[in-house]
Amino acid sequence: MEELDDKSGLRARGEEAVGELAQALLENPLFNTALSRALGAGEAAASAQRSAMGALNVASGSDVERLEQRLRSLSGRLEELEDRLDEVADDMLALARRLEAASGAASDQSKLDFSDAAG
């Protein structure tokens, strides 16, 4: 049990020391300047990379993501158009069948009229 207390105490002292070190670093102007420069250099490097990729006409990750979203959107719209075209084709086929049936009925009626007049 005493060993467990020793480990807990050691851990608490270690956490306290790390906290104090972090606080001292954050309060140190030299450290803050170095950190700011490092972050600025990282952003400058990223900007240079974007410029170089643009000059080489190479798409960035965000460009590819936007293109992927656009393709998905267009694919969905194309599927909707295909479905609608299928519906229109079905409607036209039904209309053609009705016209054919009506034309056949009219033809039968004219045959009846002709045979009545001949008889």
Protein backbone atom coordinates (compact mmCIF):
# COMPACT_ATOMS: atom_id res chain seq x y z
CA MET A 1 0.00 0.00 0.00
CA GLU A 2 2.88 2.27 0.86
CA GLU A 3 4.39 1.60 -2.59
CA LEU A 4 1.12 2.72 -4.24
CA ASP A 5 1.17 5.94 -2.20
CA ASP A 6 4.78 6.53 -3.27
CA LYS A 7 3.82 6.08 -6.96
CA SER A 8 0.83 8.42 -6.62
CA GLY A 9 2.97 11.03 -4.92
CA LEU A 10 5.68 10.69 -7.54
CA ARG A 11 3.09 11.00 -10.32
CA ALA A 12 1.59 14.11 -8.71
CA ARG A 13 5.03 15.72 -8.35
CA GLY A 14 5.82 14.84 -11.99
CA GLU A 15 2.57 16.38 -13.22
CA GLU A 16 3.23 19.47 -11.14
CA ALA A 17 6.77 19.79 -12.56
CA VAL A 18 5.48 19.46 -16.14
CA GLY A 19 2.82 22.09 -15.44
CA GLU A 20 5.41 24.48 -14.02
CA LEU A 21 7.69 23.90 -17.01
CA ALA A 22 4.84 24.56 -19.45
CA GLN A 23 3.92 27.74 -17.59
CA ALA A 24 7.53 28.92 -17.60
CA LEU A 25 7.80 28.27 -21.35
CA LEU A 26 4.59 30.16 -22.07
CA GLU A 27 5.82 33.13 -20.04
CA ASN A 28 9.24 33.13 -21.74
CA PRO A 29 9.33 35.78 -24.52
CA LEU A 30 12.14 33.99 -26.35
CA PHE A 31 10.13 30.77 -26.47
CA ASN A 32 7.01 32.64 -27.65
CA THR A 33 9.00 34.36 -30.41
CA ALA A 34 10.51 31.06 -31.54
CA LEU A 35 7.09 29.38 -31.49
CA SER A 36 5.52 32.22 -33.50
CA ARG A 37 8.29 32.07 -36.08
CA ALA A 38 8.00 28.28 -36.37
CA LEU A 39 4.25 28.51 -36.91
CA GLY A 40 4.73 31.34 -39.40
CA ALA A 41 7.37 29.34 -41.24
CA GLY A 42 4.99 26.40 -41.42
CA GLU A 43 2.28 28.57 -42.95
CA ALA A 44 4.78 30.12 -45.36
CA ALA A 45 5.91 26.65 -46.42
CA ALA A 46 2.30 25.56 -46.96
CA SER A 47 1.65 28.70 -49.00
CA ALA A 48 4.75 28.08 -51.10
CA GLN A 49 3.66 24.49 -51.66
CA ARG A 50 0.21 25.64 -52.83
CA SER A 51 1.82 28.15 -55.19
CA ALA A 52 4.23 25.57 -56.60
CA MET A 53 1.43 23.05 -57.14
CA GLY A 54 -0.63 25.73 -58.83
CA ALA A 55 2.29 26.66 -61.10
CA LEU A 56 2.67 22.99 -62.05
CA ASN A 57 -1.10 22.77 -62.60
CA VAL A 58 -1.41 20.03 -59.94
CA ALA A 59 -4.68 19.88 -58.03
CA SER A 60 -4.61 20.27 -54.26
CA GLY A 61 -6.45 17.98 -51.88
CA SER A 62 -9.21 20.54 -51.41
CA ASP A 63 -9.52 20.90 -55.20
CA VAL A 64 -9.95 17.14 -55.51
CA GLU A 65 -12.53 17.11 -52.71
CA ARG A 66 -14.54 19.89 -54.39
CA LEU A 67 -14.38 18.02 -57.68
CA GLU A 68 -15.52 14.82 -55.98
CA GLN A 69 -18.50 16.63 -54.41
CA ARG A 70 -19.38 18.17 -57.76
CA LEU A 71 -19.21 14.79 -59.50
CA ARG A 72 -21.45 13.22 -56.86
CA SER A 73 -23.95 16.03 -57.31
CA LEU A 74 -23.90 15.67 -61.10
CA SER A 75 -24.23 11.90 -60.78
CA GLY A 76 -27.33 12.31 -58.62
CA ARG A 77 -28.85 14.78 -61.06
CA LEU A 78 -28.09 12.44 -63.98
CA GLU A 79 -29.81 9.56 -62.19
CA GLU A 80 -32.87 11.76 -61.63
CA LEU A 81 -32.91 12.68 -65.33
CA GLU A 82 -32.59 9.03 -66.34
CA ASP A 83 -35.54 8.12 -64.10
CA ARG A 84 -37.62 10.94 -65.54
CA LEU A 85 -36.70 9.93 -69.10
CA ASP A 86 -37.80 6.37 -68.34
CA GLU A 87 -41.13 7.73 -67.06
CA VAL A 88 -41.59 9.84 -70.21
CA ALA A 89 -40.76 6.83 -72.42
CA ASP A 90 -43.33 4.72 -70.55
CA ASP A 91 -45.93 7.49 -70.93
CA MET A 92 -45.22 7.75 -74.67
CA LEU A 93 -45.51 3.97 -75.11
CA ALA A 94 -48.85 3.96 -73.29
CA LEU A 95 -50.04 6.86 -75.46
CA ALA A 96 -48.94 5.07 -78.64
CA ARG A 97 -50.85 1.96 -77.56
CA ARG A 98 -53.97 4.01 -76.88
CA LEU A 99 -53.68 5.72 -80.26
CA GLU A 100 -53.20 2.37 -81.94
CA ALA A 101 -56.22 0.94 -80.14
CA ALA A 102 -58.31 4.00 -81.02
CA SER A 103 -57.15 3.83 -84.63
CA GLY A 104 -58.02 0.12 -84.76
CA ALA A 105 -61.47 0.82 -83.33
CA ALA A 106 -62.07 3.59 -85.88
CA SER A 107 -60.97 1.29 -88.68
CA ASP A 108 -63.33 -1.43 -87.46
CA GLN A 109 -66.14 1.15 -87.28
CA SER A 110 -65.51 2.29 -90.87
CA LYS A 111 -65.57 -1.34 -92.07
CA LEU A 112 -68.91 -1.79 -90.34
CA ASP A 113 -70.26 1.41 -91.91
CA PHE A 114 -69.07 0.31 -95.36
CA SER A 115 -70.59 -3.18 -95.09
CA ASP A 116 -73.89 -1.71 -93.87
CA ALA A 117 -74.03 0.62 -96.86
CA ALA A 118 -73.16 -2.17 -99.31
CA GLY A 119 -75.77 -4.58 -98.00
